[in-house]
N, C-alpha and C. Protein backbone atom coordinates (compact mmCIF):
# COMPACT_ATOMS: atom_id res chain seq x y z
N MET A 1 6.21 -6.37 -6.05
CA MET A 1 6.19 -6.86 -4.69
C MET A 1 4.77 -7.30 -4.36
N ILE A 2 4.65 -8.39 -3.62
CA ILE A 2 3.35 -8.96 -3.25
C ILE A 2 3.33 -9.25 -1.75
N THR A 3 2.18 -9.03 -1.11
CA THR A 3 1.98 -9.38 0.30
C THR A 3 0.54 -9.86 0.46
N GLN A 4 0.22 -10.41 1.64
CA GLN A 4 -1.12 -10.93 1.88
C GLN A 4 -1.64 -10.37 3.19
N SER A 5 -2.93 -9.96 3.20
CA SER A 5 -3.54 -9.38 4.40
C SER A 5 -4.14 -10.47 5.28
N ASP A 6 -4.62 -10.07 6.46
CA ASP A 6 -5.22 -11.02 7.40
C ASP A 6 -6.46 -11.70 6.85
N ASP A 7 -7.19 -11.02 5.96
CA ASP A 7 -8.40 -11.61 5.38
C ASP A 7 -8.10 -12.39 4.09
N SER A 8 -6.82 -12.71 3.89
CA SER A 8 -6.33 -13.49 2.74
C SER A 8 -6.36 -12.74 1.42
N SER A 9 -6.60 -11.43 1.44
CA SER A 9 -6.49 -10.64 0.21
C SER A 9 -5.03 -10.58 -0.22
N ILE A 10 -4.82 -10.62 -1.52
CA ILE A 10 -3.49 -10.45 -2.09
C ILE A 10 -3.32 -8.96 -2.38
N VAL A 11 -2.19 -8.39 -2.00
CA VAL A 11 -1.89 -6.98 -2.23
C VAL A 11 -0.64 -6.91 -3.09
N VAL A 12 -0.75 -6.20 -4.23
CA VAL A 12 0.34 -6.15 -5.21
C VAL A 12 0.69 -4.69 -5.48
N ALA A 13 1.99 -4.39 -5.48
CA ALA A 13 2.46 -3.06 -5.87
C ALA A 13 2.88 -3.11 -7.33
N ASN A 14 2.57 -2.05 -8.07
CA ASN A 14 3.06 -1.96 -9.44
C ASN A 14 3.38 -0.51 -9.77
N SER A 15 3.72 -0.23 -11.00
CA SER A 15 4.16 1.11 -11.37
C SER A 15 3.05 2.16 -11.34
N SER A 16 1.80 1.75 -11.24
CA SER A 16 0.69 2.70 -11.24
C SER A 16 0.01 2.85 -9.88
N GLY A 17 0.21 1.90 -8.97
CA GLY A 17 -0.44 1.97 -7.67
C GLY A 17 -0.46 0.63 -6.97
N ILE A 18 -1.52 0.37 -6.22
CA ILE A 18 -1.67 -0.87 -5.46
C ILE A 18 -2.93 -1.59 -5.94
N LEU A 19 -2.79 -2.88 -6.18
CA LEU A 19 -3.93 -3.73 -6.54
C LEU A 19 -4.20 -4.68 -5.39
N THR A 20 -5.48 -4.91 -5.09
CA THR A 20 -5.85 -5.93 -4.11
C THR A 20 -6.74 -6.95 -4.80
N TYR A 21 -6.63 -8.20 -4.36
CA TYR A 21 -7.45 -9.26 -4.94
C TYR A 21 -7.99 -10.15 -3.83
N ASN A 22 -9.32 -10.29 -3.78
CA ASN A 22 -9.99 -11.22 -2.90
C ASN A 22 -11.26 -11.67 -3.61
N GLY A 23 -11.08 -12.32 -4.76
CA GLY A 23 -12.20 -12.73 -5.59
C GLY A 23 -12.42 -11.79 -6.76
N SER A 24 -12.05 -10.53 -6.58
CA SER A 24 -12.07 -9.56 -7.67
C SER A 24 -10.96 -8.53 -7.41
N TRP A 25 -10.50 -7.90 -8.49
CA TRP A 25 -9.41 -6.93 -8.39
C TRP A 25 -9.95 -5.54 -8.07
N LYS A 26 -9.22 -4.82 -7.23
CA LYS A 26 -9.48 -3.40 -6.97
C LYS A 26 -8.16 -2.67 -7.14
N PHE A 27 -8.22 -1.49 -7.73
CA PHE A 27 -7.02 -0.71 -8.00
C PHE A 27 -7.06 0.59 -7.22
N TYR A 28 -5.94 0.94 -6.58
CA TYR A 28 -5.79 2.18 -5.84
C TYR A 28 -4.62 2.94 -6.44
N GLU A 29 -4.93 4.07 -7.08
CA GLU A 29 -3.90 4.83 -7.78
C GLU A 29 -2.91 5.45 -6.81
N SER A 30 -1.65 5.45 -7.20
CA SER A 30 -0.60 6.04 -6.40
C SER A 30 -0.72 7.56 -6.40
N PRO A 31 -0.65 8.18 -5.21
CA PRO A 31 -0.68 9.65 -5.17
C PRO A 31 0.50 10.22 -5.96
N ASN A 32 0.29 11.28 -6.65
CA ASN A 32 1.33 11.96 -7.43
C ASN A 32 1.92 11.09 -8.52
N SER A 33 1.27 9.99 -8.86
CA SER A 33 1.72 9.08 -9.92
C SER A 33 3.13 8.55 -9.70
N THR A 34 3.54 8.42 -8.44
CA THR A 34 4.86 7.87 -8.15
C THR A 34 4.81 6.35 -8.26
N ILE A 35 5.92 5.76 -8.66
CA ILE A 35 6.01 4.31 -8.83
C ILE A 35 6.21 3.66 -7.47
N ILE A 36 5.36 2.70 -7.14
CA ILE A 36 5.47 1.98 -5.87
C ILE A 36 6.47 0.84 -6.07
N ARG A 37 7.50 0.82 -5.24
CA ARG A 37 8.57 -0.17 -5.35
C ARG A 37 8.33 -1.40 -4.47
N SER A 38 7.63 -1.21 -3.34
CA SER A 38 7.43 -2.33 -2.43
C SER A 38 6.14 -2.14 -1.65
N VAL A 39 5.62 -3.26 -1.12
CA VAL A 39 4.39 -3.22 -0.33
C VAL A 39 4.46 -4.34 0.71
N LYS A 40 3.95 -4.05 1.92
CA LYS A 40 3.95 -5.04 2.99
C LYS A 40 2.75 -4.79 3.89
N TYR A 41 2.00 -5.85 4.21
CA TYR A 41 0.85 -5.77 5.11
C TYR A 41 1.32 -6.17 6.50
N ILE A 42 1.12 -5.27 7.49
CA ILE A 42 1.51 -5.54 8.87
C ILE A 42 0.44 -4.97 9.80
N ASP A 43 -0.15 -5.82 10.63
CA ASP A 43 -1.09 -5.39 11.68
C ASP A 43 -2.18 -4.45 11.17
N GLY A 44 -2.85 -4.82 10.09
CA GLY A 44 -3.97 -4.04 9.59
C GLY A 44 -3.61 -2.84 8.74
N LYS A 45 -2.32 -2.65 8.47
CA LYS A 45 -1.88 -1.53 7.65
C LYS A 45 -1.12 -2.06 6.44
N ILE A 46 -1.25 -1.35 5.33
CA ILE A 46 -0.48 -1.66 4.13
C ILE A 46 0.59 -0.59 3.99
N TYR A 47 1.85 -0.99 4.10
CA TYR A 47 2.98 -0.07 3.95
C TYR A 47 3.48 -0.16 2.52
N SER A 48 3.71 0.99 1.89
CA SER A 48 4.24 0.98 0.53
C SER A 48 5.47 1.86 0.48
N GLY A 49 6.46 1.40 -0.26
CA GLY A 49 7.69 2.16 -0.43
C GLY A 49 7.80 2.66 -1.85
N LYS A 50 8.12 3.93 -1.97
CA LYS A 50 8.35 4.54 -3.27
C LYS A 50 9.74 5.14 -3.25
N THR A 51 10.17 5.68 -4.33
CA THR A 51 11.48 6.31 -4.36
C THR A 51 11.51 7.45 -3.35
N GLN A 52 12.27 7.29 -2.28
CA GLN A 52 12.47 8.26 -1.21
C GLN A 52 11.19 8.61 -0.43
N ILE A 53 10.14 7.78 -0.52
CA ILE A 53 8.89 8.04 0.20
C ILE A 53 8.40 6.73 0.83
N LEU A 54 7.92 6.78 2.07
CA LEU A 54 7.29 5.63 2.71
C LEU A 54 5.89 6.03 3.14
N ASP A 55 4.89 5.31 2.69
CA ASP A 55 3.49 5.58 3.01
C ASP A 55 2.89 4.40 3.76
N PHE A 56 1.76 4.63 4.39
CA PHE A 56 0.99 3.51 4.89
C PHE A 56 -0.48 3.78 4.63
N GLY A 57 -1.20 2.72 4.36
CA GLY A 57 -2.63 2.84 4.11
C GLY A 57 -3.40 2.00 5.12
N LEU A 58 -4.44 2.56 5.66
CA LEU A 58 -5.29 1.82 6.59
C LEU A 58 -6.42 1.19 5.81
N LYS A 59 -6.59 -0.10 5.96
CA LYS A 59 -7.65 -0.79 5.24
C LYS A 59 -8.92 -0.72 6.09
N ILE A 60 -9.92 -0.02 5.60
CA ILE A 60 -11.15 0.21 6.36
C ILE A 60 -12.31 -0.46 5.64
N LEU A 61 -13.08 -1.27 6.36
CA LEU A 61 -14.23 -1.99 5.83
C LEU A 61 -13.88 -2.85 4.62
N LYS A 62 -12.62 -3.20 4.49
CA LYS A 62 -12.13 -4.09 3.44
C LYS A 62 -12.42 -3.57 2.02
N VAL A 63 -12.74 -2.29 1.88
CA VAL A 63 -12.99 -1.76 0.53
C VAL A 63 -12.21 -0.48 0.24
N ASN A 64 -11.77 0.24 1.24
CA ASN A 64 -11.08 1.51 1.01
C ASN A 64 -9.68 1.48 1.58
N ILE A 65 -8.79 2.13 0.90
CA ILE A 65 -7.44 2.34 1.43
C ILE A 65 -7.20 3.84 1.46
N HIS A 66 -6.87 4.35 2.62
CA HIS A 66 -6.55 5.77 2.77
C HIS A 66 -5.04 5.89 2.86
N ILE A 67 -4.45 6.69 2.00
CA ILE A 67 -2.99 6.82 1.93
C ILE A 67 -2.55 7.96 2.84
N HIS A 68 -1.55 7.70 3.67
CA HIS A 68 -0.96 8.69 4.56
C HIS A 68 0.54 8.68 4.31
N GLN A 69 1.12 9.85 4.11
CA GLN A 69 2.56 9.92 3.88
C GLN A 69 3.25 10.26 5.19
N PHE A 70 4.34 9.53 5.49
CA PHE A 70 5.13 9.84 6.66
C PHE A 70 5.82 11.19 6.45
N PRO A 71 6.10 11.93 7.52
CA PRO A 71 6.81 13.20 7.38
C PRO A 71 8.18 12.99 6.74
N GLU A 72 8.62 13.95 5.93
CA GLU A 72 9.90 13.83 5.24
C GLU A 72 11.07 13.76 6.20
N ASN A 73 10.96 14.38 7.38
CA ASN A 73 12.08 14.41 8.32
C ASN A 73 12.10 13.22 9.27
N LEU A 74 11.23 12.24 9.06
CA LEU A 74 11.19 11.05 9.91
C LEU A 74 12.43 10.21 9.66
N ILE A 75 13.11 9.82 10.73
CA ILE A 75 14.35 9.05 10.62
C ILE A 75 14.08 7.61 11.04
N PHE A 76 14.45 6.66 10.19
CA PHE A 76 14.30 5.24 10.49
C PHE A 76 15.66 4.69 10.90
N ASN A 77 15.71 4.02 12.03
CA ASN A 77 16.98 3.43 12.49
C ASN A 77 17.05 1.98 12.12
């Protein structure tokens, strides 16, 4: 899965984590080595979907991604 951020960076999900590209590649390893199935950039956040897990990462200073896991009991309608 591929998405693009507001600063034109390309964000790619793969089996090992998230890659970003804006002139050079940066790799962010997936917590717990889970396979990332999907990724989407929305309003300054990178959302990633894994098997039964939904995370979001806040892009700070265009160099770091902090991964936050949604609570397991969160219900999406």
